[in-house]
Structure formats: structure tokens, C-alpha cells
Amino acid sequence: MEDVLEVYTRPYDPKRPQVCMDELSKQLVGETRTPLPAAPGKLECYDYEYVRNGVGNVFIFFEPLAGWRALTVTERRTMVDWAAAIRELVDVHYPKAEKVVLVMDNLNTHSIGSLYEAFAPEEAFRIAQKLEVHYTPKHGSWLNMAESELSILSRQCLKKRIPKLEQLRRAVTAWQDKRNQAKTKTIWRFKTEEARIRLARLYPSFQA
């Protein structure tokens, strides 16, 4: 926890951008009957029955100090999918960065080893050298600012039924572009000193 909190105290540095990464799954749901459109005095109506069309996965990379985020929708959430998203992060979004300071949870696919599952050793090593990884602790996903962005995405964009992967991509891209245009930033205010007081029960006790 304190390692991640230290990262959040660092000032903005375009050569070492701080990026938070997370992901979520979205059930793709189709209609069995055509919904009734909204009319004066009446809400849009959906039938309670639906058809499951599989699951889409959403990767998010969020740079809180710049108010920038990039979202990628994939059919799966394998090591190879994560590795491809990471290569795009370092090569497309931050090609001039010395290091990308990456904060994420310790899901089994979120590791340097995934790069070696997807790419030749030389390429995997090259990408790994561009990363400075900081993991949130177990049960500490609230420390990942990307999780907050995904929560906003879910409330604003994903509550409705989305039947197909391509429609999910369009919806997510539109939300991403709107948030980026507004340059919505996040300033983390929970510091290590406060954590040691409010979460004192998590620390070992020592007697003088």
C-alpha cells in the first residue's frame, strides 16, 4: 500500500508517466423482443427475457495527472490479450517515455511473464524494460485509480443492454473520447501518514 501511495505523491513527469491499469467484463445481452420506444409520459420498455451473447472484456489505462485514458475491448482476457494492450501502451501511447510507471492489481495475467507468453524473448524484454510496475496489495484494489474510472464507465455507459462486441467498442470509445476532451483528472489525497493512522490495525505493533 505504501509503495503505491508513494507513487501517487510524485509530480507530473511526461518522461515517466504514472498510469493505472484495470479491466472489467461486460455480459453481452441481446433482446428476444423489440423494445418499445419511449413516448410522452411513458418510459422505454424492455422485455425481461434476454439472450446471452458471450462476454466482452474492457482494458483501461488511466493517467490521472494528465486526465487521459485509453480503453480497449477484447473478446478474451488472456495473458496474450493483456500483453498486446501493454505493447500498445508503451509503443503507441508513450513511445517517448523513459519508463511507464504502471499501477495495477496482481491478477495472474498482469505480469511480465505474460509478455513472454505473447512475444519472442527479445521483444518481451524490450517492452518490460519500459515498465516500472507497482502492484496494489491483495484486497487493496481501491488504491487503483483505474478502478474508479471503470466504476464511472459502468454507471454512465454500461448499465444498458449491449448485444454485440462492436457496439460495446463504440460505446466505450465514445465515453473515452468525452472524458479525454474534458481532461478529467484525479488528484489522490490519501497519504501514507494518514494511512498509518486510519489503518493502524493493519500494522504490527511494537513496544518501546
N, C-alpha and C. Protein backbone atom coordinates (compact mmCIF):
# COMPACT_ATOMS: atom_id res chain seq x y z
N MET A 1 0.82 -1.20 0.00
CA MET A 1 0.00 0.00 0.00
C MET A 1 0.86 1.26 0.00
N GLU A 2 1.85 1.29 0.89
CA GLU A 2 2.69 2.48 0.98
C GLU A 2 3.51 2.69 -0.29
N ASP A 3 3.86 1.62 -0.97
CA ASP A 3 4.58 1.73 -2.23
C ASP A 3 3.72 2.46 -3.27
N VAL A 4 2.45 2.08 -3.37
CA VAL A 4 1.55 2.73 -4.33
C VAL A 4 1.30 4.18 -3.92
N LEU A 5 1.10 4.42 -2.62
CA LEU A 5 0.87 5.78 -2.16
C LEU A 5 2.06 6.68 -2.45
N GLU A 6 3.27 6.13 -2.38
CA GLU A 6 4.46 6.93 -2.72
C GLU A 6 4.44 7.33 -4.20
N VAL A 7 4.03 6.41 -5.05
CA VAL A 7 3.94 6.73 -6.48
C VAL A 7 3.00 7.91 -6.70
N TYR A 8 1.89 7.93 -5.98
CA TYR A 8 0.89 8.98 -6.17
C TYR A 8 1.35 10.35 -5.68
N THR A 9 2.43 10.40 -4.90
CA THR A 9 2.96 11.70 -4.46
C THR A 9 3.90 12.32 -5.48
N ARG A 10 4.30 11.56 -6.48
CA ARG A 10 5.27 12.07 -7.45
C ARG A 10 4.62 13.13 -8.36
N PRO A 11 5.36 14.17 -8.69
CA PRO A 11 4.80 15.20 -9.59
C PRO A 11 4.71 14.68 -11.02
N TYR A 12 3.91 15.38 -11.81
CA TYR A 12 3.74 15.00 -13.20
C TYR A 12 5.07 15.06 -13.94
N ASP A 13 5.40 14.00 -14.66
CA ASP A 13 6.64 13.92 -15.42
C ASP A 13 6.34 13.18 -16.73
N PRO A 14 6.31 13.90 -17.86
CA PRO A 14 5.99 13.25 -19.13
C PRO A 14 6.97 12.16 -19.53
N LYS A 15 8.19 12.20 -18.96
CA LYS A 15 9.16 11.16 -19.27
C LYS A 15 8.91 9.89 -18.47
N ARG A 16 8.18 10.01 -17.36
CA ARG A 16 7.85 8.86 -16.51
C ARG A 16 6.37 8.95 -16.11
N PRO A 17 5.48 8.83 -17.08
CA PRO A 17 4.05 8.98 -16.78
C PRO A 17 3.55 7.90 -15.83
N GLN A 18 2.67 8.32 -14.92
CA GLN A 18 2.03 7.39 -14.00
C GLN A 18 0.73 6.91 -14.63
N VAL A 19 0.60 5.62 -14.83
CA VAL A 19 -0.57 5.06 -15.49
C VAL A 19 -1.15 3.94 -14.62
N CYS A 20 -2.45 4.02 -14.36
CA CYS A 20 -3.15 2.97 -13.62
C CYS A 20 -3.89 2.08 -14.62
N MET A 21 -3.83 0.79 -14.40
CA MET A 21 -4.45 -0.17 -15.33
C MET A 21 -5.43 -1.07 -14.58
N ASP A 22 -6.56 -1.35 -15.22
CA ASP A 22 -7.53 -2.28 -14.66
C ASP A 22 -8.36 -2.85 -15.81
N GLU A 23 -9.25 -3.76 -15.51
CA GLU A 23 -10.10 -4.35 -16.53
C GLU A 23 -11.43 -4.80 -15.92
N LEU A 24 -12.44 -4.95 -16.77
CA LEU A 24 -13.71 -5.49 -16.33
C LEU A 24 -14.34 -6.29 -17.47
N SER A 25 -15.27 -7.16 -17.10
CA SER A 25 -16.01 -7.94 -18.09
C SER A 25 -17.42 -7.40 -18.21
N LYS A 26 -17.95 -7.42 -19.42
CA LYS A 26 -19.32 -6.96 -19.69
C LYS A 26 -20.08 -8.07 -20.41
N GLN A 27 -21.15 -8.53 -19.78
CA GLN A 27 -22.01 -9.53 -20.41
C GLN A 27 -22.72 -8.90 -21.61
N LEU A 28 -22.59 -9.53 -22.77
CA LEU A 28 -23.28 -9.05 -23.97
C LEU A 28 -24.67 -9.68 -23.99
N VAL A 29 -25.67 -8.82 -24.04
CA VAL A 29 -27.05 -9.27 -23.89
C VAL A 29 -27.89 -8.77 -25.05
N GLY A 30 -28.57 -9.68 -25.75
CA GLY A 30 -29.46 -9.33 -26.84
C GLY A 30 -30.91 -9.42 -26.43
N GLU A 31 -31.78 -8.85 -27.23
CA GLU A 31 -33.21 -8.83 -26.95
C GLU A 31 -33.91 -10.01 -27.63
N THR A 32 -34.94 -10.54 -26.96
CA THR A 32 -35.81 -11.55 -27.58
C THR A 32 -36.99 -10.88 -28.28
N ARG A 33 -37.32 -9.66 -27.86
CA ARG A 33 -38.39 -8.87 -28.47
C ARG A 33 -37.91 -7.44 -28.65
N THR A 34 -38.40 -6.77 -29.65
CA THR A 34 -38.00 -5.39 -29.90
C THR A 34 -38.50 -4.49 -28.78
N PRO A 35 -37.62 -3.72 -28.13
CA PRO A 35 -38.06 -2.81 -27.06
C PRO A 35 -39.06 -1.78 -27.58
N LEU A 36 -39.98 -1.36 -26.72
CA LEU A 36 -40.94 -0.32 -27.07
C LEU A 36 -40.29 1.03 -26.80
N PRO A 37 -40.23 1.90 -27.79
CA PRO A 37 -39.55 3.19 -27.60
C PRO A 37 -40.29 4.09 -26.62
N ALA A 38 -39.54 5.03 -26.06
CA ALA A 38 -40.14 6.00 -25.15
C ALA A 38 -41.14 6.87 -25.89
N ALA A 39 -42.17 7.30 -25.18
CA ALA A 39 -43.21 8.16 -25.73
C ALA A 39 -43.61 9.16 -24.66
N PRO A 40 -44.30 10.23 -25.01
CA PRO A 40 -44.72 11.20 -23.98
C PRO A 40 -45.45 10.53 -22.82
N GLY A 41 -44.87 10.68 -21.64
CA GLY A 41 -45.47 10.08 -20.45
C GLY A 41 -45.15 8.63 -20.24
N LYS A 42 -44.34 8.02 -21.11
CA LYS A 42 -44.01 6.61 -21.00
C LYS A 42 -42.51 6.39 -21.17
N LEU A 43 -41.97 5.52 -20.34
CA LEU A 43 -40.56 5.18 -20.45
C LEU A 43 -40.36 4.09 -21.49
N GLU A 44 -39.13 3.99 -22.00
CA GLU A 44 -38.79 2.89 -22.89
C GLU A 44 -38.94 1.57 -22.14
N CYS A 45 -39.50 0.57 -22.80
CA CYS A 45 -39.79 -0.71 -22.14
C CYS A 45 -38.98 -1.84 -22.77
N TYR A 46 -38.39 -2.68 -21.91
CA TYR A 46 -37.65 -3.86 -22.34
C TYR A 46 -38.35 -5.10 -21.80
N ASP A 47 -38.30 -6.17 -22.55
CA ASP A 47 -38.81 -7.44 -22.07
C ASP A 47 -37.82 -8.02 -21.06
N TYR A 48 -38.33 -8.73 -20.06
CA TYR A 48 -37.43 -9.28 -19.05
C TYR A 48 -36.58 -10.41 -19.59
N GLU A 49 -37.02 -11.05 -20.69
CA GLU A 49 -36.23 -12.11 -21.30
C GLU A 49 -35.11 -11.52 -22.14
N TYR A 50 -34.00 -12.23 -22.20
CA TYR A 50 -32.88 -11.76 -23.00
C TYR A 50 -32.06 -12.95 -23.48
N VAL A 51 -31.13 -12.67 -24.38
CA VAL A 51 -30.26 -13.70 -24.94
C VAL A 51 -28.81 -13.37 -24.59
N ARG A 52 -28.09 -14.34 -24.05
CA ARG A 52 -26.67 -14.13 -23.74
C ARG A 52 -25.84 -14.30 -25.01
N ASN A 53 -25.01 -13.30 -25.30
CA ASN A 53 -24.17 -13.34 -26.50
C ASN A 53 -22.68 -13.37 -26.16
N GLY A 54 -22.36 -13.95 -25.02
CA GLY A 54 -20.96 -14.02 -24.64
C GLY A 54 -20.56 -12.84 -23.76
N VAL A 55 -19.26 -12.64 -23.62
CA VAL A 55 -18.72 -11.62 -22.72
C VAL A 55 -17.65 -10.83 -23.45
N GLY A 56 -17.65 -9.52 -23.25
CA GLY A 56 -16.57 -8.68 -23.75
C GLY A 56 -15.70 -8.21 -22.59
N ASN A 57 -14.43 -8.01 -22.84
CA ASN A 57 -13.50 -7.55 -21.81
C ASN A 57 -13.02 -6.14 -22.14
N VAL A 58 -12.94 -5.30 -21.12
CA VAL A 58 -12.50 -3.91 -21.30
C VAL A 58 -11.24 -3.66 -20.49
N PHE A 59 -10.14 -3.35 -21.17
CA PHE A 59 -8.92 -2.90 -20.52
C PHE A 59 -8.94 -1.38 -20.46
N ILE A 60 -8.53 -0.82 -19.33
CA ILE A 60 -8.41 0.64 -19.23
C ILE A 60 -7.02 1.01 -18.73
N PHE A 61 -6.44 2.02 -19.36
CA PHE A 61 -5.20 2.65 -18.91
C PHE A 61 -5.53 4.11 -18.64
N PHE A 62 -5.25 4.55 -17.41
CA PHE A 62 -5.65 5.88 -16.97
C PHE A 62 -4.45 6.61 -16.39
N GLU A 63 -4.15 7.77 -16.98
CA GLU A 63 -3.08 8.63 -16.44
C GLU A 63 -3.75 9.76 -15.66
N PRO A 64 -3.88 9.63 -14.35
CA PRO A 64 -4.69 10.58 -13.57
C PRO A 64 -4.18 12.01 -13.59
N LEU A 65 -2.87 12.22 -13.64
CA LEU A 65 -2.33 13.58 -13.60
C LEU A 65 -2.49 14.31 -14.93
N ALA A 66 -2.76 13.58 -16.00
CA ALA A 66 -2.96 14.19 -17.31
C ALA A 66 -4.42 14.20 -17.72
N GLY A 67 -5.27 13.49 -17.00
CA GLY A 67 -6.67 13.41 -17.37
C GLY A 67 -6.88 12.67 -18.68
N TRP A 68 -6.09 11.63 -18.88
CA TRP A 68 -6.14 10.86 -20.14
C TRP A 68 -6.38 9.41 -19.83
N ARG A 69 -7.20 8.77 -20.66
CA ARG A 69 -7.42 7.34 -20.53
C ARG A 69 -7.58 6.70 -21.90
N ALA A 70 -7.20 5.44 -22.00
CA ALA A 70 -7.36 4.66 -23.24
C ALA A 70 -8.01 3.34 -22.86
N LEU A 71 -9.07 2.98 -23.59
CA LEU A 71 -9.78 1.74 -23.32
C LEU A 71 -9.74 0.84 -24.54
N THR A 72 -9.56 -0.44 -24.32
CA THR A 72 -9.51 -1.44 -25.38
C THR A 72 -10.48 -2.55 -25.06
N VAL A 73 -11.30 -2.93 -26.02
CA VAL A 73 -12.27 -4.01 -25.85
C VAL A 73 -11.75 -5.25 -26.57
N THR A 74 -11.73 -6.37 -25.86
CA THR A 74 -11.27 -7.64 -26.44
C THR A 74 -12.31 -8.72 -26.20
N GLU A 75 -12.18 -9.81 -26.95
CA GLU A 75 -13.09 -10.94 -26.77
C GLU A 75 -12.74 -11.76 -25.54
N ARG A 76 -11.46 -11.71 -25.13
CA ARG A 76 -11.00 -12.52 -24.01
C ARG A 76 -10.12 -11.66 -23.10
N ARG A 77 -9.71 -12.26 -21.99
CA ARG A 77 -8.83 -11.57 -21.04
C ARG A 77 -7.66 -12.47 -20.68
N THR A 78 -6.99 -12.98 -21.71
CA THR A 78 -5.87 -13.90 -21.52
C THR A 78 -4.56 -13.13 -21.33
N MET A 79 -3.49 -13.86 -21.07
CA MET A 79 -2.16 -13.26 -20.98
C MET A 79 -1.80 -12.54 -22.28
N VAL A 80 -2.13 -13.18 -23.40
CA VAL A 80 -1.79 -12.62 -24.70
C VAL A 80 -2.55 -11.31 -24.94
N ASP A 81 -3.81 -11.26 -24.55
CA ASP A 81 -4.59 -10.03 -24.71
C ASP A 81 -4.00 -8.90 -23.88
N TRP A 82 -3.64 -9.21 -22.63
CA TRP A 82 -3.03 -8.19 -21.76
C TRP A 82 -1.70 -7.73 -22.34
N ALA A 83 -0.88 -8.66 -22.81
CA ALA A 83 0.42 -8.31 -23.36
C ALA A 83 0.29 -7.41 -24.58
N ALA A 84 -0.69 -7.67 -25.43
CA ALA A 84 -0.91 -6.83 -26.61
C ALA A 84 -1.31 -5.42 -26.20
N ALA A 85 -2.13 -5.32 -25.16
CA ALA A 85 -2.54 -3.99 -24.68
C ALA A 85 -1.35 -3.23 -24.09
N ILE A 86 -0.45 -3.96 -23.41
CA ILE A 86 0.73 -3.31 -22.83
C ILE A 86 1.68 -2.82 -23.93
N ARG A 87 1.87 -3.63 -24.98
CA ARG A 87 2.74 -3.18 -26.08
C ARG A 87 2.17 -1.93 -26.73
N GLU A 88 0.86 -1.88 -26.91
CA GLU A 88 0.24 -0.67 -27.47
C GLU A 88 0.46 0.52 -26.54
N LEU A 89 0.39 0.27 -25.23
CA LEU A 89 0.60 1.35 -24.26
C LEU A 89 1.97 1.97 -24.42
N VAL A 90 3.02 1.15 -24.47
CA VAL A 90 4.38 1.70 -24.49
C VAL A 90 4.81 2.16 -25.89
N ASP A 91 4.33 1.51 -26.94
CA ASP A 91 4.78 1.83 -28.29
C ASP A 91 3.93 2.89 -28.98
N VAL A 92 2.63 2.90 -28.70
CA VAL A 92 1.73 3.83 -29.39
C VAL A 92 1.45 5.06 -28.53
N HIS A 93 1.11 4.84 -27.26
CA HIS A 93 0.70 5.96 -26.41
C HIS A 93 1.87 6.67 -25.75
N TYR A 94 2.95 5.94 -25.42
CA TYR A 94 4.08 6.56 -24.72
C TYR A 94 5.41 6.16 -25.36
N PRO A 95 5.58 6.38 -26.66
CA PRO A 95 6.83 5.96 -27.32
C PRO A 95 8.06 6.74 -26.86
N LYS A 96 7.87 7.95 -26.34
CA LYS A 96 9.00 8.79 -25.94
C LYS A 96 9.28 8.72 -24.45
N ALA A 97 8.48 7.99 -23.70
CA ALA A 97 8.68 7.89 -22.26
C ALA A 97 9.91 7.04 -21.93
N GLU A 98 10.65 7.45 -20.91
CA GLU A 98 11.77 6.64 -20.45
C GLU A 98 11.24 5.38 -19.75
N LYS A 99 10.24 5.55 -18.92
CA LYS A 99 9.58 4.46 -18.23
C LYS A 99 8.10 4.81 -18.08
N VAL A 100 7.24 3.81 -18.19
CA VAL A 100 5.84 3.98 -17.83
C VAL A 100 5.67 3.40 -16.44
N VAL A 101 5.29 4.24 -15.49
CA VAL A 101 5.10 3.82 -14.10
C VAL A 101 3.70 3.23 -14.01
N LEU A 102 3.60 1.92 -13.94
CA LEU A 102 2.33 1.22 -14.10
C LEU A 102 1.83 0.68 -12.76
N VAL A 103 0.65 1.15 -12.36
CA VAL A 103 0.00 0.69 -11.13
C VAL A 103 -1.16 -0.23 -11.53
N MET A 104 -1.21 -1.43 -10.93
CA MET A 104 -2.28 -2.37 -11.27
C MET A 104 -2.39 -3.42 -10.18
N ASP A 105 -3.46 -4.23 -10.24
CA ASP A 105 -3.60 -5.31 -9.28
C ASP A 105 -2.75 -6.50 -9.72
N ASN A 106 -2.66 -7.48 -8.85
CA ASN A 106 -1.77 -8.62 -9.13
C ASN A 106 -2.52 -9.82 -9.67
N LEU A 107 -3.48 -9.58 -10.56
CA LEU A 107 -4.14 -10.67 -11.26
C LEU A 107 -3.09 -11.50 -11.99
N ASN A 108 -3.33 -12.80 -12.11
CA ASN A 108 -2.28 -13.68 -12.65
C ASN A 108 -1.85 -13.32 -14.07
N THR A 109 -2.74 -12.70 -14.85
CA THR A 109 -2.36 -12.32 -16.22
C THR A 109 -1.57 -11.01 -16.26
N HIS A 110 -1.59 -10.25 -15.18
CA HIS A 110 -0.93 -8.94 -15.15
C HIS A 110 0.51 -9.08 -14.68
N SER A 111 1.34 -9.68 -15.49
CA SER A 111 2.73 -9.90 -15.08
C SER A 111 3.64 -9.85 -16.30
N ILE A 112 4.91 -9.60 -16.02
CA ILE A 112 5.91 -9.58 -17.08
C ILE A 112 5.95 -10.91 -17.82
N GLY A 113 5.66 -12.00 -17.09
CA GLY A 113 5.64 -13.31 -17.72
C GLY A 113 4.66 -13.40 -18.87
N SER A 114 3.58 -12.62 -18.82
CA SER A 114 2.60 -12.63 -19.90
C SER A 114 3.21 -12.11 -21.20
N LEU A 115 4.15 -11.19 -21.09
CA LEU A 115 4.82 -10.68 -22.30
C LEU A 115 5.58 -11.80 -23.00
N TYR A 116 6.16 -12.70 -22.21
CA TYR A 116 6.92 -13.81 -22.79
C TYR A 116 6.00 -14.90 -23.35
N GLU A 117 4.74 -14.92 -22.90
CA GLU A 117 3.75 -15.82 -23.48
C GLU A 117 3.32 -15.33 -24.86
N ALA A 118 3.39 -14.01 -25.07
CA ALA A 118 2.85 -13.42 -26.30
C ALA A 118 3.91 -13.12 -27.35
N PHE A 119 5.13 -12.82 -26.92
CA PHE A 119 6.15 -12.34 -27.85
C PHE A 119 7.45 -13.12 -27.72
N ALA A 120 8.31 -12.96 -28.73
CA ALA A 120 9.64 -13.53 -28.65
C ALA A 120 10.40 -12.91 -27.48
N PRO A 121 11.37 -13.63 -26.91
CA PRO A 121 12.05 -13.12 -25.72
C PRO A 121 12.62 -11.71 -25.87
N GLU A 122 13.21 -11.43 -27.04
CA GLU A 122 13.80 -10.10 -27.24
C GLU A 122 12.74 -9.00 -27.19
N GLU A 123 11.60 -9.26 -27.78
CA GLU A 123 10.52 -8.28 -27.78
C GLU A 123 9.90 -8.14 -26.40
N ALA A 124 9.71 -9.26 -25.72
CA ALA A 124 9.16 -9.22 -24.37
C ALA A 124 10.07 -8.43 -23.43
N PHE A 125 11.38 -8.66 -23.56
CA PHE A 125 12.34 -7.95 -22.71
C PHE A 125 12.33 -6.45 -23.01
N ARG A 126 12.26 -6.11 -24.29
CA ARG A 126 12.22 -4.69 -24.69
C ARG A 126 11.04 -3.98 -24.05
N ILE A 127 9.86 -4.59 -24.11
CA ILE A 127 8.67 -3.98 -23.53
C ILE A 127 8.79 -3.90 -22.01
N ALA A 128 9.29 -4.97 -21.41
CA ALA A 128 9.43 -4.99 -19.95
C ALA A 128 10.35 -3.89 -19.45
N GLN A 129 11.38 -3.57 -20.22
CA GLN A 129 12.32 -2.53 -19.80
C GLN A 129 11.70 -1.14 -19.81
N LYS A 130 10.55 -1.01 -20.45
CA LYS A 130 9.85 0.29 -20.49
C LYS A 130 8.90 0.46 -19.31
N LEU A 131 8.79 -0.57 -18.47
CA LEU A 131 7.81 -0.54 -17.39
C LEU A 131 8.46 -0.46 -16.02
N GLU A 132 7.84 0.31 -15.15
CA GLU A 132 8.14 0.30 -13.71
C GLU A 132 6.84 -0.09 -13.03
N VAL A 133 6.74 -1.33 -12.60
CA VAL A 133 5.47 -1.89 -12.13
C VAL A 133 5.32 -1.75 -10.62
N HIS A 134 4.12 -1.32 -10.20
CA HIS A 134 3.76 -1.25 -8.79
C HIS A 134 2.41 -1.93 -8.62
N TYR A 135 2.36 -2.96 -7.80
CA TYR A 135 1.13 -3.71 -7.60
C TYR A 135 0.37 -3.23 -6.36
N THR A 136 -0.93 -3.14 -6.47
CA THR A 136 -1.75 -2.89 -5.29
C THR A 136 -1.79 -4.17 -4.46
N PRO A 137 -1.92 -4.06 -3.14
CA PRO A 137 -1.93 -5.26 -2.30
C PRO A 137 -3.24 -6.04 -2.45
N LYS A 138 -3.22 -7.27 -2.01
CA LYS A 138 -4.42 -8.08 -2.01
C LYS A 138 -5.50 -7.39 -1.18
N HIS A 139 -6.72 -7.38 -1.70
CA HIS A 139 -7.86 -6.68 -1.08
C HIS A 139 -7.63 -5.16 -1.05
N GLY A 140 -6.71 -4.67 -1.85
CA GLY A 140 -6.44 -3.23 -1.86
C GLY A 140 -6.68 -2.61 -3.22
N SER A 141 -7.64 -3.15 -3.96
CA SER A 141 -7.89 -2.62 -5.30
C SER A 141 -8.39 -1.19 -5.28
N TRP A 142 -8.90 -0.73 -4.11
CA TRP A 142 -9.37 0.66 -4.00
C TRP A 142 -8.22 1.66 -4.20
N LEU A 143 -6.98 1.17 -4.10
CA LEU A 143 -5.82 2.04 -4.32
C LEU A 143 -5.57 2.30 -5.80
N ASN A 144 -6.22 1.56 -6.66
CA ASN A 144 -6.02 1.70 -8.10
C ASN A 144 -7.02 2.71 -8.66
N MET A 145 -6.54 3.85 -9.13
CA MET A 145 -7.44 4.89 -9.62
C MET A 145 -8.17 4.47 -10.90
N ALA A 146 -7.63 3.50 -11.61
CA ALA A 146 -8.32 2.99 -12.79
C ALA A 146 -9.62 2.30 -12.41
N GLU A 147 -9.67 1.73 -11.21
CA GLU A 147 -10.91 1.09 -10.76
C GLU A 147 -12.03 2.12 -10.62
N SER A 148 -11.69 3.32 -10.15
CA SER A 148 -12.69 4.39 -10.04
C SER A 148 -13.21 4.79 -11.42
N GLU A 149 -12.31 4.84 -12.40
CA GLU A 149 -12.74 5.17 -13.75
C GLU A 149 -13.68 4.10 -14.31
N LEU A 150 -13.38 2.84 -14.04
CA LEU A 150 -14.26 1.77 -14.51
C LEU A 150 -15.62 1.83 -13.83
N SER A 151 -15.65 2.26 -12.59
CA SER A 151 -16.92 2.43 -11.89
C SER A 151 -17.77 3.51 -12.56
N ILE A 152 -17.12 4.60 -12.95
CA ILE A 152 -17.83 5.67 -13.65
C ILE A 152 -18.31 5.18 -15.01
N LEU A 153 -17.44 4.44 -15.71
CA LEU A 153 -17.82 3.87 -17.01
C LEU A 153 -19.05 2.98 -16.87
N SER A 154 -19.08 2.14 -15.86
CA SER A 154 -20.20 1.23 -15.66
C SER A 154 -21.50 1.99 -15.43
N ARG A 155 -21.44 3.04 -14.62
CA ARG A 155 -22.65 3.81 -14.31
C ARG A 155 -23.13 4.62 -15.51
N GLN A 156 -22.20 5.21 -16.25
CA GLN A 156 -22.57 6.13 -17.32
C GLN A 156 -22.80 5.46 -18.66
N CYS A 157 -22.23 4.27 -18.86
CA CYS A 157 -22.17 3.72 -20.21
C CYS A 157 -22.63 2.27 -20.33
N LEU A 158 -22.47 1.48 -19.28
CA LEU A 158 -22.65 0.04 -19.42
C LEU A 158 -23.88 -0.52 -18.71
N LYS A 159 -24.76 0.33 -18.20
CA LYS A 159 -25.92 -0.17 -17.49
C LYS A 159 -26.97 -0.75 -18.45
N LYS A 160 -26.98 -0.25 -19.68
CA LYS A 160 -27.96 -0.74 -20.65
C LYS A 160 -27.50 -2.06 -21.26
N ARG A 161 -28.43 -2.74 -21.92
CA ARG A 161 -28.08 -3.99 -22.61
C ARG A 161 -27.30 -3.69 -23.88
N ILE A 162 -26.20 -4.38 -24.05
CA ILE A 162 -25.37 -4.24 -25.25
C ILE A 162 -25.22 -5.61 -25.86
N PRO A 163 -25.72 -5.81 -27.09
CA PRO A 163 -25.79 -7.17 -27.63
C PRO A 163 -24.52 -7.67 -28.30
N LYS A 164 -23.69 -6.76 -28.84
CA LYS A 164 -22.57 -7.21 -29.65
C LYS A 164 -21.28 -6.51 -29.24
N LEU A 165 -20.17 -7.18 -29.54
CA LEU A 165 -18.86 -6.66 -29.17
C LEU A 165 -18.57 -5.33 -29.85
N GLU A 166 -18.94 -5.20 -31.12
CA GLU A 166 -18.68 -3.96 -31.84
C GLU A 166 -19.46 -2.79 -31.24
N GLN A 167 -20.67 -3.04 -30.78
CA GLN A 167 -21.44 -1.99 -30.13
C GLN A 167 -20.81 -1.60 -28.80
N LEU A 168 -20.27 -2.58 -28.11
CA LEU A 168 -19.55 -2.28 -26.87
C LEU A 168 -18.35 -1.40 -27.16
N ARG A 169 -17.62 -1.70 -28.21
CA ARG A 169 -16.46 -0.89 -28.59
C ARG A 169 -16.88 0.56 -28.88
N ARG A 170 -17.95 0.73 -29.62
CA ARG A 170 -18.40 2.09 -29.96
C ARG A 170 -18.81 2.86 -28.71
N ALA A 171 -19.53 2.20 -27.83
CA ALA A 171 -19.99 2.86 -26.61
C ALA A 171 -18.81 3.26 -25.72
N VAL A 172 -17.85 2.35 -25.56
CA VAL A 172 -16.69 2.61 -24.72
C VAL A 172 -15.82 3.71 -25.32
N THR A 173 -15.64 3.69 -26.64
CA THR A 173 -14.82 4.72 -27.30
C THR A 173 -15.45 6.09 -27.16
N ALA A 174 -16.76 6.17 -27.30
CA ALA A 174 -17.45 7.46 -27.16
C ALA A 174 -17.29 8.00 -25.74
N TRP A 175 -17.42 7.14 -24.75
CA TRP A 175 -17.22 7.56 -23.35
C TRP A 175 -15.79 8.01 -23.13
N GLN A 176 -14.83 7.26 -23.63
CA GLN A 176 -13.41 7.60 -23.51
C GLN A 176 -13.12 8.97 -24.10
N ASP A 177 -13.60 9.21 -25.32
CA ASP A 177 -13.32 10.46 -26.00
C ASP A 177 -13.93 11.65 -25.25
N LYS A 178 -15.12 11.46 -24.71
CA LYS A 178 -15.77 12.55 -23.97
C LYS A 178 -14.99 12.88 -22.71
N ARG A 179 -14.53 11.85 -21.99
CA ARG A 179 -13.76 12.08 -20.77
C ARG A 179 -12.41 12.72 -21.08
N ASN A 180 -11.79 12.30 -22.17
CA ASN A 180 -10.49 12.86 -22.54
C ASN A 180 -10.61 14.31 -22.99
N GLN A 181 -11.67 14.63 -23.70
CA GLN A 181 -11.87 16.01 -24.13
C GLN A 181 -12.03 16.93 -22.93
N ALA A 182 -12.67 16.43 -21.90
CA ALA A 182 -12.85 17.22 -20.67
C ALA A 182 -11.59 17.24 -19.82
N LYS A 183 -10.61 16.36 -20.15
CA LYS A 183 -9.36 16.25 -19.40
C LYS A 183 -9.63 16.08 -17.90
N THR A 184 -10.53 15.17 -17.60
CA THR A 184 -10.92 14.92 -16.22
C THR A 184 -9.78 14.24 -15.47
N LYS A 185 -9.16 14.96 -14.53
CA LYS A 185 -8.02 14.46 -13.79
C LYS A 185 -8.44 13.93 -12.43
N THR A 186 -7.56 13.20 -11.79
CA THR A 186 -7.78 12.71 -10.44
C THR A 186 -6.56 13.04 -9.60
N ILE A 187 -6.78 13.73 -8.49
CA ILE A 187 -5.71 14.04 -7.55
C ILE A 187 -5.91 13.18 -6.31
N TRP A 188 -4.96 12.30 -6.03
CA TRP A 188 -5.05 11.37 -4.91
C TRP A 188 -4.64 12.08 -3.64
N ARG A 189 -5.53 12.12 -2.64
CA ARG A 189 -5.26 12.88 -1.43
C ARG A 189 -5.00 12.01 -0.19
N PHE A 190 -5.18 10.71 -0.31
CA PHE A 190 -4.94 9.82 0.83
C PHE A 190 -3.45 9.50 0.89
N LYS A 191 -2.77 10.01 1.92
CA LYS A 191 -1.32 9.90 2.03
C LYS A 191 -0.91 8.80 3.00
N THR A 192 0.38 8.46 2.95
CA THR A 192 0.91 7.42 3.82
C THR A 192 0.72 7.76 5.29
N GLU A 193 0.96 9.02 5.67
CA GLU A 193 0.81 9.42 7.07
C GLU A 193 -0.60 9.17 7.57
N GLU A 194 -1.60 9.48 6.74
CA GLU A 194 -2.98 9.25 7.12
C GLU A 194 -3.29 7.77 7.18
N ALA A 195 -2.72 7.00 6.24
CA ALA A 195 -2.95 5.56 6.22
C ALA A 195 -2.45 4.92 7.50
N ARG A 196 -1.31 5.37 8.02
CA ARG A 196 -0.74 4.78 9.24
C ARG A 196 -1.60 5.07 10.46
N ILE A 197 -2.43 6.11 10.37
CA ILE A 197 -3.33 6.43 11.48
C ILE A 197 -4.67 5.70 11.31
N ARG A 198 -5.28 5.87 10.15
CA ARG A 198 -6.62 5.32 9.94
C ARG A 198 -6.60 3.80 9.78
N LEU A 199 -5.50 3.25 9.29
CA LEU A 199 -5.39 1.81 9.09
C LEU A 199 -4.36 1.20 10.04
N ALA A 200 -4.28 1.75 11.23
CA ALA A 200 -3.27 1.30 12.20
C ALA A 200 -3.41 -0.18 12.52
N ARG A 201 -4.64 -0.71 12.44
CA ARG A 201 -4.86 -2.12 12.77
C ARG A 201 -4.12 -3.06 11.81
N LEU A 202 -3.75 -2.55 10.63
CA LEU A 202 -3.08 -3.39 9.65
C LEU A 202 -1.58 -3.47 9.89
N TYR A 203 -1.08 -2.62 10.76
CA TYR A 203 0.38 -2.58 11.01
C TYR A 203 0.70 -3.38 12.27
N PRO A 204 1.88 -4.01 12.31
CA PRO A 204 2.28 -4.69 13.55
C PRO A 204 2.54 -3.65 14.65
N SER A 205 2.30 -4.03 15.87
CA SER A 205 2.54 -3.12 16.98
C SER A 205 3.88 -3.44 17.64
N PHE A 206 4.55 -2.41 18.06
CA PHE A 206 5.86 -2.56 18.71
C PHE A 206 5.83 -1.85 20.05
N GLN A 207 6.44 -2.45 21.01
CA GLN A 207 6.55 -1.82 22.33
C GLN A 207 7.95 -1.26 22.50
N ALA A 208 7.99 -0.05 23.05
CA ALA A 208 9.28 0.61 23.25
C ALA A 208 10.08 -0.12 24.33
